[in-house]
PDB file of N, CA and C in Angstrom:
ATOM      1  N   MET A   1       8.337  54.967-197.830  1.00  0.00           N
ATOM      2  CA  MET A   1       7.117  54.668-198.542  1.00  0.00           C
ATOM      3  C   MET A   1       6.574  55.909-199.246  1.00  0.00           C
ATOM      4  N   LYS A   2       6.615  57.059-198.532  1.00  0.00           N
ATOM      5  CA  LYS A   2       6.139  58.290-199.134  1.00  0.00           C
ATOM      6  C   LYS A   2       6.951  58.651-200.368  1.00  0.00           C
ATOM      7  N   ASN A   3       8.270  58.413-200.290  1.00  0.00           N
ATOM      8  CA  ASN A   3       9.140  58.718-201.435  1.00  0.00           C
ATOM      9  C   ASN A   3       8.797  57.860-202.641  1.00  0.00           C
ATOM     10  N   MET A   4       8.464  56.582-202.432  1.00  0.00           N
ATOM     11  CA  MET A   4       8.095  55.700-203.539  1.00  0.00           C
ATOM     12  C   MET A   4       6.786  56.144-204.172  1.00  0.00           C
ATOM     13  N   ILE A   5       5.829  56.524-203.387  1.00  0.00           N
ATOM     14  CA  ILE A   5       4.544  56.994-203.916  1.00  0.00           C
ATOM     15  C   ILE A   5       4.746  58.293-204.693  1.00  0.00           C
ATOM     16  N   PHE A   6       5.554  59.186-204.135  1.00  0.00           N
ATOM     17  CA  PHE A   6       5.847  60.444-204.818  1.00  0.00           C
ATOM     18  C   PHE A   6       6.554  60.193-206.152  1.00  0.00           C
ATOM     19  N   ALA A   7       7.521  59.292-206.154  1.00  0.00           N
ATOM     20  CA  ALA A   7       8.261  58.966-207.379  1.00  0.00           C
ATOM     21  C   ALA A   7       7.332  58.356-208.428  1.00  0.00           C
ATOM     22  N   ALA A   8       6.443  57.465-208.012  1.00  0.00           N
ATOM     23  CA  ALA A   8       5.489  56.845-208.938  1.00  0.00           C
ATOM     24  C   ALA A   8       4.550  57.894-209.533  1.00  0.00           C
ATOM     25  N   ALA A   9       4.096  58.812-208.697  1.00  0.00           N
ATOM     26  CA  ALA A   9       3.210  59.877-209.185  1.00  0.00           C
ATOM     27  C   ALA A   9       3.942  60.776-210.171  1.00  0.00           C
ATOM     28  N   LEU A  10       5.194  61.061-209.908  1.00  0.00           N
ATOM     29  CA  LEU A  10       6.000  61.897-210.806  1.00  0.00           C
ATOM     30  C   LEU A  10       6.208  61.225-212.149  1.00  0.00           C
ATOM     31  N   VAL A  11       6.484  59.930-212.150  1.00  0.00           N
ATOM     32  CA  VAL A  11       6.674  59.182-213.396  1.00  0.00           C
ATOM     33  C   VAL A  11       5.378  59.184-214.203  1.00  0.00           C
ATOM     34  N   CYS A  12       4.251  58.952-213.555  1.00  0.00           N
ATOM     35  CA  CYS A  12       2.952  58.963-214.255  1.00  0.00           C
ATOM     36  C   CYS A  12       2.653  60.335-214.847  1.00  0.00           C
ATOM     37  N   ALA A  13       2.903  61.379-214.100  1.00  0.00           N
ATOM     38  CA  ALA A  13       2.655  62.737-214.586  1.00  0.00           C
ATOM     39  C   ALA A  13       3.547  63.053-215.781  1.00  0.00           C
ATOM     40  N   SER A  14       4.790  62.608-215.743  1.00  0.00           N
ATOM     41  CA  SER A  14       5.708  62.837-216.854  1.00  0.00           C
ATOM     42  C   SER A  14       5.244  62.112-218.104  1.00  0.00           C
ATOM     43  N   ALA A  15       4.771  60.891-217.959  1.00  0.00           N
ATOM     44  CA  ALA A  15       4.308  60.112-219.106  1.00  0.00           C
ATOM     45  C   ALA A  15       3.089  60.766-219.749  1.00  0.00           C
ATOM     46  N   VAL A  16       2.159  61.233-218.937  1.00  0.00           N
ATOM     47  CA  VAL A  16       0.966  61.899-219.458  1.00  0.00           C
ATOM     48  C   VAL A  16       1.358  63.188-220.167  1.00  0.00           C
ATOM     49  N   SER A  17       2.270  63.936-219.608  1.00  0.00           N
ATOM     50  CA  SER A  17       2.730  65.183-220.213  1.00  0.00           C
ATOM     51  C   SER A  17       3.401  64.931-221.551  1.00  0.00           C
ATOM     52  N   ALA A  18       4.248  63.927-221.633  1.00  0.00           N
ATOM     53  CA  ALA A  18       4.939  63.602-222.883  1.00  0.00           C
ATOM     54  C   ALA A  18       3.938  63.182-223.950  1.00  0.00           C
ATOM     55  N   TYR A  19       2.937  62.386-223.578  1.00  0.00           N
ATOM     56  CA  TYR A  19       1.913  61.966-224.525  1.00  0.00           C
ATOM     57  C   TYR A  19       1.129  63.166-225.038  1.00  0.00           C
ATOM     58  N   ALA A  20       0.770  64.070-224.175  1.00  0.00           N
ATOM     59  CA  ALA A  20      -0.005  65.242-224.573  1.00  0.00           C
ATOM     60  C   ALA A  20       0.772  66.126-225.535  1.00  0.00           C
ATOM     61  N   GLN A  21       2.084  66.184-225.406  1.00  0.00           N
ATOM     62  CA  GLN A  21       2.887  67.027-226.271  1.00  0.00           C
ATOM     63  C   GLN A  21       3.113  66.417-227.643  1.00  0.00           C
ATOM     64  N   THR A  22       2.995  65.105-227.789  1.00  0.00           N
ATOM     65  CA  THR A  22       3.263  64.465-229.071  1.00  0.00           C
ATOM     66  C   THR A  22       2.003  64.067-229.815  1.00  0.00           C
ATOM     67  N   THR A  23       0.856  64.173-229.204  1.00  0.00           N
ATOM     68  CA  THR A  23      -0.384  63.802-229.857  1.00  0.00           C
ATOM     69  C   THR A  23      -0.895  64.963-230.693  1.00  0.00           C
ATOM     70  N   THR A  24      -1.229  64.685-231.970  1.00  0.00           N
ATOM     71  CA  THR A  24      -1.775  65.723-232.826  1.00  0.00           C
ATOM     72  C   THR A  24      -3.268  65.510-232.983  1.00  0.00           C
ATOM     73  N   VAL A  25      -4.008  66.563-232.807  1.00  0.00           N
ATOM     74  CA  VAL A  25      -5.451  66.526-232.932  1.00  0.00           C
ATOM     75  C   VAL A  25      -5.855  67.648-233.875  1.00  0.00           C
ATOM     76  N   PRO A  26      -6.658  67.367-234.898  1.00  0.00           N
ATOM     77  CA  PRO A  26      -7.089  68.435-235.793  1.00  0.00           C
ATOM     78  C   PRO A  26      -7.818  69.533-235.034  1.00  0.00           C
ATOM     79  N   ALA A  27      -7.517  70.776-235.382  1.00  0.00           N
ATOM     80  CA  ALA A  27      -8.147  71.917-234.719  1.00  0.00           C
ATOM     81  C   ALA A  27      -9.610  72.005-235.120  1.00  0.00           C
ATOM     82  N   THR A  28     -10.489  72.161-234.141  1.00  0.00           N
ATOM     83  CA  THR A  28     -11.913  72.307-234.418  1.00  0.00           C
ATOM     84  C   THR A  28     -12.419  73.672-234.000  1.00  0.00           C
ATOM     85  N   ASP A  29     -11.558  74.464-233.363  1.00  0.00           N
ATOM     86  CA  ASP A  29     -11.986  75.751-232.852  1.00  0.00           C
ATOM     87  C   ASP A  29     -11.507  76.916-233.715  1.00  0.00           C
ATOM     88  N   GLY A  30     -11.031  76.628-234.932  1.00  0.00           N
ATOM     89  CA  GLY A  30     -10.567  77.691-235.817  1.00  0.00           C
ATOM     90  C   GLY A  30      -9.086  77.965-235.696  1.00  0.00           C
ATOM     91  N   ASP A  31      -8.425  77.462-234.649  1.00  0.00           N
ATOM     92  CA  ASP A  31      -6.988  77.631-234.516  1.00  0.00           C
ATOM     93  C   ASP A  31      -6.288  76.644-235.427  1.00  0.00           C
ATOM     94  N   THR A  32      -5.135  77.028-235.914  1.00  0.00           N
ATOM     95  CA  THR A  32      -4.358  76.142-236.765  1.00  0.00           C
ATOM     96  C   THR A  32      -3.006  75.900-236.126  1.00  0.00           C
ATOM     97  N   PRO A  33      -2.370  74.790-236.437  1.00  0.00           N
ATOM     98  CA  PRO A  33      -1.075  74.496-235.842  1.00  0.00           C
ATOM     99  C   PRO A  33       0.004  75.404-236.409  1.00  0.00           C
ATOM    100  N   ALA A  34       1.098  75.540-235.663  1.00  0.00           N
ATOM    101  CA  ALA A  34       2.207  76.376-236.118  1.00  0.00           C
ATOM    102  C   ALA A  34       2.894  75.762-237.329  1.00  0.00           C
ATOM    103  N   VAL A  35       2.959  74.457-237.393  1.00  0.00           N
ATOM    104  CA  VAL A  35       3.562  73.765-238.524  1.00  0.00           C
ATOM    105  C   VAL A  35       2.606  72.678-238.977  1.00  0.00           C
ATOM    106  N   VAL A  36       2.382  72.607-240.267  1.00  0.00           N
ATOM    107  CA  VAL A  36       1.450  71.634-240.819  1.00  0.00           C
ATOM    108  C   VAL A  36       2.081  70.240-240.804  1.00  0.00           C
ATOM    109  N   THR A  37       1.251  69.241-240.581  1.00  0.00           N
ATOM    110  CA  THR A  37       1.663  67.845-240.672  1.00  0.00           C
ATOM    111  C   THR A  37       0.645  67.145-241.562  1.00  0.00           C
ATOM    112  N   PRO A  38       0.946  65.947-242.036  1.00  0.00           N
ATOM    113  CA  PRO A  38      -0.042  65.252-242.863  1.00  0.00           C
ATOM    114  C   PRO A  38      -1.371  65.039-242.139  1.00  0.00           C
ATOM    115  N   GLU A  39      -1.348  64.982-240.809  1.00  0.00           N
ATOM    116  CA  GLU A  39      -2.577  64.782-240.050  1.00  0.00           C
ATOM    117  C   GLU A  39      -3.345  66.082-239.810  1.00  0.00           C
ATOM    118  N   THR A  40      -2.696  67.230-240.003  1.00  0.00           N
ATOM    119  CA  THR A  40      -3.351  68.504-239.728  1.00  0.00           C
ATOM    120  C   THR A  40      -3.152  69.499-240.870  1.00  0.00           C
ATOM    121  N   PRO A  41      -3.669  69.201-242.063  1.00  0.00           N
ATOM    122  CA  PRO A  41      -3.513  70.153-243.165  1.00  0.00           C
ATOM    123  C   PRO A  41      -4.350  71.401-242.928  1.00  0.00           C
ATOM    124  N   ASN A  42      -3.976  72.494-243.555  1.00  0.00           N
ATOM    125  CA  ASN A  42      -4.716  73.740-243.411  1.00  0.00           C
ATOM    126  C   ASN A  42      -5.345  74.082-244.745  1.00  0.00           C
ATOM    127  N   ALA A  43      -6.657  74.028-244.813  1.00  0.00           N
ATOM    128  CA  ALA A  43      -7.368  74.277-246.059  1.00  0.00           C
ATOM    129  C   ALA A  43      -7.277  75.725-246.511  1.00  0.00           C
ATOM    130  N   ALA A  44      -6.936  76.636-245.606  1.00  0.00           N
ATOM    131  CA  ALA A  44      -6.857  78.057-245.940  1.00  0.00           C
ATOM    132  C   ALA A  44      -5.476  78.460-246.449  1.00  0.00           C
ATOM    133  N   ALA A  45      -4.631  77.493-246.767  1.00  0.00           N
ATOM    134  CA  ALA A  45      -3.249  77.775-247.195  1.00  0.00           C
ATOM    135  C   ALA A  45      -3.236  78.504-248.531  1.00  0.00           C
ATOM    136  N   PRO A  46      -2.276  79.342-248.791  1.00  0.00           N
ATOM    137  CA  PRO A  46      -1.187  79.702-247.903  1.00  0.00           C
ATOM    138  C   PRO A  46      -1.617  80.746-246.872  1.00  0.00           C
ATOM    139  N   VAL A  47      -1.127  80.572-245.658  1.00  0.00           N
ATOM    140  CA  VAL A  47      -1.486  81.437-244.546  1.00  0.00           C
ATOM    141  C   VAL A  47      -0.400  82.494-244.375  1.00  0.00           C
ATOM    142  N   GLU A  48      -0.809  83.740-244.277  1.00  0.00           N
ATOM    143  CA  GLU A  48       0.145  84.833-244.072  1.00  0.00           C
ATOM    144  C   GLU A  48       0.685  84.789-242.654  1.00  0.00           C
ATOM    145  N   GLY A  49       1.952  85.138-242.493  1.00  0.00           N
ATOM    146  CA  GLY A  49       2.542  85.198-241.166  1.00  0.00           C
ATOM    147  C   GLY A  49       4.048  85.172-241.231  1.00  0.00           C
ATOM    148  N   ALA A  50       4.670  85.434-240.090  1.00  0.00           N
ATOM    149  CA  ALA A  50       6.132  85.452-240.002  1.00  0.00           C
ATOM    150  C   ALA A  50       6.671  84.072-240.329  1.00  0.00           C
ATOM    151  N   ASN A  51       7.471  83.983-241.384  1.00  0.00           N
ATOM    152  CA  ASN A  51       7.976  82.708-241.882  1.00  0.00           C
ATOM    153  C   ASN A  51       9.405  82.496-241.425  1.00  0.00           C
ATOM    154  N   SER A  52       9.670  81.385-240.742  1.00  0.00           N
ATOM    155  CA  SER A  52      11.018  81.108-240.257  1.00  0.00           C
ATOM    156  C   SER A  52      11.763  80.094-241.123  1.00  0.00           C
ATOM    157  N   PHE A  53      11.136  79.604-242.192  1.00  0.00           N
ATOM    158  CA  PHE A  53      11.820  78.686-243.090  1.00  0.00           C
ATOM    159  C   PHE A  53      12.880  79.438-243.885  1.00  0.00           C
ATOM    160  N   THR A  54      14.061  78.843-244.018  1.00  0.00           N
ATOM    161  CA  THR A  54      15.095  79.431-244.866  1.00  0.00           C
ATOM    162  C   THR A  54      14.756  79.110-246.323  1.00  0.00           C
ATOM    163  N   GLU A  55      15.464  79.746-247.236  1.00  0.00           N
ATOM    164  CA  GLU A  55      15.232  79.482-248.659  1.00  0.00           C
ATOM    165  C   GLU A  55      15.479  78.003-248.975  1.00  0.00           C
ATOM    166  N   GLY A  56      16.559  77.454-248.436  1.00  0.00           N
ATOM    167  CA  GLY A  56      16.868  76.042-248.667  1.00  0.00           C
ATOM    168  C   GLY A  56      15.801  75.116-248.113  1.00  0.00           C
ATOM    169  N   GLN A  57      15.308  75.421-246.921  1.00  0.00           N
ATOM    170  CA  GLN A  57      14.258  74.598-246.317  1.00  0.00           C
ATOM    171  C   GLN A  57      12.962  74.689-247.120  1.00  0.00           C
ATOM    172  N   ALA A  58      12.643  75.893-247.603  1.00  0.00           N
ATOM    173  CA  ALA A  58      11.432  76.078-248.403  1.00  0.00           C
ATOM    174  C   ALA A  58      11.532  75.253-249.687  1.00  0.00           C
ATOM    175  N   LYS A  59      12.688  75.302-250.338  1.00  0.00           N
ATOM    176  CA  LYS A  59      12.874  74.540-251.578  1.00  0.00           C
ATOM    177  C   LYS A  59      12.754  73.044-251.310  1.00  0.00           C
ATOM    178  N   GLU A  60      13.375  72.562-250.237  1.00  0.00           N
ATOM    179  CA  GLU A  60      13.288  71.142-249.889  1.00  0.00           C
ATOM    180  C   GLU A  60      11.847  70.711-249.628  1.00  0.00           C
ATOM    181  N   ARG A  61      11.095  71.555-248.930  1.00  0.00           N
ATOM    182  CA  ARG A  61       9.706  71.207-248.600  1.00  0.00           C
ATOM    183  C   ARG A  61       8.837  71.203-249.857  1.00  0.00           C
ATOM    184  N   ILE A  62       9.071  72.149-250.768  1.00  0.00           N
ATOM    185  CA  ILE A  62       8.320  72.185-252.027  1.00  0.00           C
ATOM    186  C   ILE A  62       8.642  70.933-252.848  1.00  0.00           C
ATOM    187  N   GLU A  63       9.917  70.567-252.912  1.00  0.00           N
ATOM    188  CA  GLU A  63      10.309  69.366-253.649  1.00  0.00           C
ATOM    189  C   GLU A  63       9.735  68.107-253.002  1.00  0.00           C
ATOM    190  N   ALA A  64       9.680  68.080-251.685  1.00  0.00           N
ATOM    191  CA  ALA A  64       9.101  66.932-250.982  1.00  0.00           C
ATOM    192  C   ALA A  64       7.608  66.790-251.269  1.00  0.00           C
ATOM    193  N   ALA A  65       6.969  67.886-251.671  1.00  0.00           N
ATOM    194  CA  ALA A  65       5.544  67.864-252.008  1.00  0.00           C
ATOM    195  C   ALA A  65       5.318  67.395-253.449  1.00  0.00           C
ATOM    196  N   GLY A  66       6.417  67.024-254.153  1.00  0.00           N
ATOM    197  CA  GLY A  66       6.268  66.462-255.497  1.00  0.00           C
ATOM    198  C   GLY A  66       6.600  67.401-256.633  1.00  0.00           C
ATOM    199  N   TYR A  67       7.131  68.572-256.335  1.00  0.00           N
ATOM    200  CA  TYR A  67       7.484  69.530-257.379  1.00  0.00           C
ATOM    201  C   TYR A  67       8.965  69.397-257.725  1.00  0.00           C
ATOM    202  N   THR A  68       9.306  69.708-258.969  1.00  0.00           N
ATOM    203  CA  THR A  68      10.697  69.683-259.424  1.00  0.00           C
ATOM    204  C   THR A  68      11.015  71.018-260.081  1.00  0.00           C
ATOM    205  N   ALA A  69      12.281  71.216-260.389  1.00  0.00           N
ATOM    206  CA  ALA A  69      12.746  72.423-261.088  1.00  0.00           C
ATOM    207  C   ALA A  69      12.217  73.693-260.424  1.00  0.00           C
ATOM    208  N   VAL A  70      12.405  73.801-259.121  1.00  0.00           N
ATOM    209  CA  VAL A  70      11.944  74.970-258.365  1.00  0.00           C
ATOM    210  C   VAL A  70      12.850  76.156-258.695  1.00  0.00           C
ATOM    211  N   THR A  71      12.262  77.235-259.217  1.00  0.00           N
ATOM    212  CA  THR A  71      13.023  78.432-259.585  1.00  0.00           C
ATOM    213  C   THR A  71      12.322  79.679-259.080  1.00  0.00           C
ATOM    214  N   ASP A  72      13.047  80.786-259.119  1.00  0.00           N
ATOM    215  CA  ASP A  72      12.513  82.099-258.720  1.00  0.00           C
ATOM    216  C   ASP A  72      11.905  82.074-257.321  1.00  0.00           C
ATOM    217  N   LEU A  73      12.547  81.373-256.401  1.00  0.00           N
ATOM    218  CA  LEU A  73      12.032  81.242-255.035  1.00  0.00           C
ATOM    219  C   LEU A  73      12.325  82.516-254.251  1.00  0.00           C
ATOM    220  N   LYS A  74      11.250  83.186-253.840  1.00  0.00           N
ATOM    221  CA  LYS A  74      11.365  84.444-253.091  1.00  0.00           C
ATOM    222  C   LYS A  74      10.264  84.496-252.051  1.00  0.00           C
ATOM    223  N   ILE A  75      10.575  85.158-250.939  1.00  0.00           N
ATOM    224  CA  ILE A  75       9.556  85.343-249.900  1.00  0.00           C
ATOM    225  C   ILE A  75       8.882  86.689-250.129  1.00  0.00           C
ATOM    226  N   ASP A  76       7.553  86.727-250.074  1.00  0.00           N
ATOM    227  CA  ASP A  76       6.844  87.986-250.315  1.00  0.00           C
ATOM    228  C   ASP A  76       6.643  88.761-249.012  1.00  0.00           C
ATOM    229  N   ASP A  77       6.007  89.911-249.110  1.00  0.00           N
ATOM    230  CA  ASP A  77       5.822  90.780-247.946  1.00  0.00           C
ATOM    231  C   ASP A  77       4.817  90.230-246.936  1.00  0.00           C
ATOM    232  N   LYS A  78       4.139  89.133-247.267  1.00  0.00           N
ATOM    233  CA  LYS A  78       3.175  88.513-246.357  1.00  0.00           C
ATOM    234  C   LYS A  78       3.756  87.276-245.670  1.00  0.00           C
ATOM    235  N   GLY A  79       5.056  86.991-245.928  1.00  0.00           N
ATOM    236  CA  GLY A  79       5.709  85.855-245.299  1.00  0.00           C
ATOM    237  C   GLY A  79       5.482  84.537-246.011  1.00  0.00           C
ATOM    238  N   VAL A  80       5.080  84.578-247.269  1.00  0.00           N
ATOM    239  CA  VAL A  80       4.810  83.369-248.047  1.00  0.00           C
ATOM    240  C   VAL A  80       5.897  83.211-249.112  1.00  0.00           C
ATOM    241  N   TRP A  81       6.531  82.022-249.140  1.00  0.00           N
ATOM    242  CA  TRP A  81       7.520  81.738-250.178  1.00  0.00           C
ATOM    243  C   TRP A  81       6.784  81.495-251.485  1.00  0.00           C
ATOM    244  N   GLN A  82       7.210  82.162-252.559  1.00  0.00           N
ATOM    245  CA  GLN A  82       6.611  82.028-253.890  1.00  0.00           C
ATOM    246  C   GLN A  82       7.674  81.485-254.842  1.00  0.00           C
ATOM    247  N   ALA A  83       7.275  80.600-255.758  1.00  0.00           N
ATOM    248  CA  ALA A  83       8.219  80.037-256.720  1.00  0.00           C
ATOM    249  C   ALA A  83       7.478  79.555-257.957  1.00  0.00           C
ATOM    250  N   THR A  84       8.264  79.194-258.955  1.00  0.00           N
ATOM    251  CA  THR A  84       7.757  78.508-260.130  1.00  0.00           C
ATOM    252  C   THR A  84       8.352  77.109-260.086  1.00  0.00           C
ATOM    253  N   ALA A  85       7.538  76.103-260.365  1.00  0.00           N
ATOM    254  CA  ALA A  85       8.023  74.723-260.303  1.00  0.00           C
ATOM    255  C   ALA A  85       7.259  73.864-261.301  1.00  0.00           C
ATOM    256  N   MET A  86       7.776  72.663-261.517  1.00  0.00           N
ATOM    257  CA  MET A  86       7.151  71.700-262.425  1.00  0.00           C
ATOM    258  C   MET A  86       6.493  70.585-261.610  1.00  0.00           C
ATOM    259  N   LYS A  87       5.325  70.154-262.081  1.00  0.00           N
ATOM    260  CA  LYS A  87       4.668  68.983-261.504  1.00  0.00           C
ATOM    261  C   LYS A  87       3.854  68.328-262.606  1.00  0.00           C
ATOM    262  N   ASP A  88       4.051  67.040-262.783  1.00  0.00           N
ATOM    263  CA  ASP A  88       3.356  66.281-263.826  1.00  0.00           C
ATOM    264  C   ASP A  88       3.552  66.910-265.204  1.00  0.00           C
ATOM    265  N   GLY A  89       4.757  67.429-265.461  1.00  0.00           N
ATOM    266  CA  GLY A  89       5.085  68.000-266.760  1.00  0.00           C
ATOM    267  C   GLY A  89       4.529  69.389-267.015  1.00  0.00           C
ATOM    268  N   THR A  90       3.962  70.011-265.999  1.00  0.00           N
ATOM    269  CA  THR A  90       3.371  71.342-266.147  1.00  0.00           C
ATOM    270  C   THR A  90       4.078  72.328-265.234  1.00  0.00           C
ATOM    271  N   SER A  91       4.419  73.489-265.784  1.00  0.00           N
ATOM    272  CA  SER A  91       5.011  74.558-264.995  1.00  0.00           C
ATOM    273  C   SER A  91       3.891  75.332-264.307  1.00  0.00           C
ATOM    274  N   MET A  92       4.076  75.615-263.026  1.00  0.00           N
ATOM    275  CA  MET A  92       3.034  76.327-262.281  1.00  0.00           C
ATOM    276  C   MET A  92       3.641  77.146-261.153  1.00  0.00           C
ATOM    277  N   SER A  93       2.879  78.079-260.655  1.00  0.00           N
ATOM    278  CA  SER A  93       3.280  78.860-259.488  1.00  0.00           C
ATOM    279  C   SER A  93       2.942  78.055-258.242  1.00  0.00           C
ATOM    280  N   VAL A  94       3.862  78.054-257.278  1.00  0.00           N
ATOM    281  CA  VAL A  94       3.623  77.378-256.002  1.00  0.00           C
ATOM    282  C   VAL A  94       3.924  78.341-254.871  1.00  0.00           C
ATOM    283  N   ALA A  95       3.313  78.095-253.739  1.00  0.00           N
ATOM    284  CA  ALA A  95       3.526  78.924-252.557  1.00  0.00           C
ATOM    285  C   ALA A  95       3.684  78.020-251.349  1.00  0.00           C
ATOM    286  N   MET A  96       4.517  78.451-250.398  1.00  0.00           N
ATOM    287  CA  MET A  96       4.682  77.734-249.140  1.00  0.00           C
ATOM    288  C   MET A  96       4.605  78.742-248.002  1.00  0.00           C
ATOM    289  N   ASP A  97       3.679  78.512-247.068  1.00  0.00           N
ATOM    290  CA  ASP A  97       3.488  79.453-245.974  1.00  0.00           C
ATOM    291  C   ASP A  97       4.319  79.086-244.757  1.00  0.00           C
ATOM    292  N   TYR A  98       4.179  79.863-243.694  1.00  0.00           N
ATOM    293  CA  TYR A  98       4.984  79.661-242.485  1.00  0.00           C
ATOM    294  C   TYR A  98       4.664  78.350-241.775  1.00  0.00           C
ATOM    295  N   GLN A  99       3.524  77.738-242.085  1.00  0.00           N
ATOM    296  CA  GLN A  99       3.157  76.464-241.479  1.00  0.00           C
ATOM    297  C   GLN A  99       3.740  75.290-242.260  1.00  0.00           C
ATOM    298  N   GLY A 100       4.266  75.561-243.448  1.00  0.00           N
ATOM    299  CA  GLY A 100       4.806  74.501-244.285  1.00  0.00           C
ATOM    300  C   GLY A 100       3.822  73.992-245.313  1.00  0.00           C
ATOM    301  N   ASN A 101       2.646  74.625-245.410  1.00  0.00           N
ATOM    302  CA  ASN A 101       1.670  74.247-246.430  1.00  0.00           C
ATOM    303  C   ASN A 101       2.234  74.589-247.799  1.00  0.00           C
ATOM    304  N   VAL A 102       2.215  73.646-248.731  1.00  0.00           N
ATOM    305  CA  VAL A 102       2.652  73.884-250.108  1.00  0.00           C
ATOM    306  C   VAL A 102       1.424  73.767-250.991  1.00  0.00           C
ATOM    307  N   VAL A 103       1.143  74.833-251.747  1.00  0.00           N
ATOM    308  CA  VAL A 103      -0.034  74.828-252.625  1.00  0.00           C
ATOM    309  C   VAL A 103       0.354  75.394-253.983  1.00  0.00           C
ATOM    310  N   SER A 104      -0.326  74.909-255.019  1.00  0.00           N
ATOM    311  CA  SER A 104      -0.114  75.443-256.355  1.00  0.00           C
ATOM    312  C   SER A 104      -1.183  76.484-256.633  1.00  0.00           C
ATOM    313  N   LYS A 105      -0.829  77.392-257.535  1.00  0.00           N
ATOM    314  CA  LYS A 105      -1.781  78.462-257.863  1.00  0.00           C
ATOM    315  C   LYS A 105      -2.179  78.364-259.314  1.00  0.00           C
TER     316      LYS A 105
END
């Protein structure tokens, strides 16, 4: 009987832990998430920091944000990917930070 109660408690604890790890809540204390999602955009983008996105990943993410003809893609000394791209027929500078925020300048 003790083993069944222990097993049930373990299953419940695991379920709560899994839910807590997958639930996204907008930051209200000034902290920002490590990677941006549609539910947690960062208004202060682009954010400086160590960027782990590869050049290919940065280009894919910029294109996924609606930009085309991405050229001159380079990472700057602040960890922000910088490029020139087209959107709505206009050429513009775009930046992508370590969180995945894509913004035009």
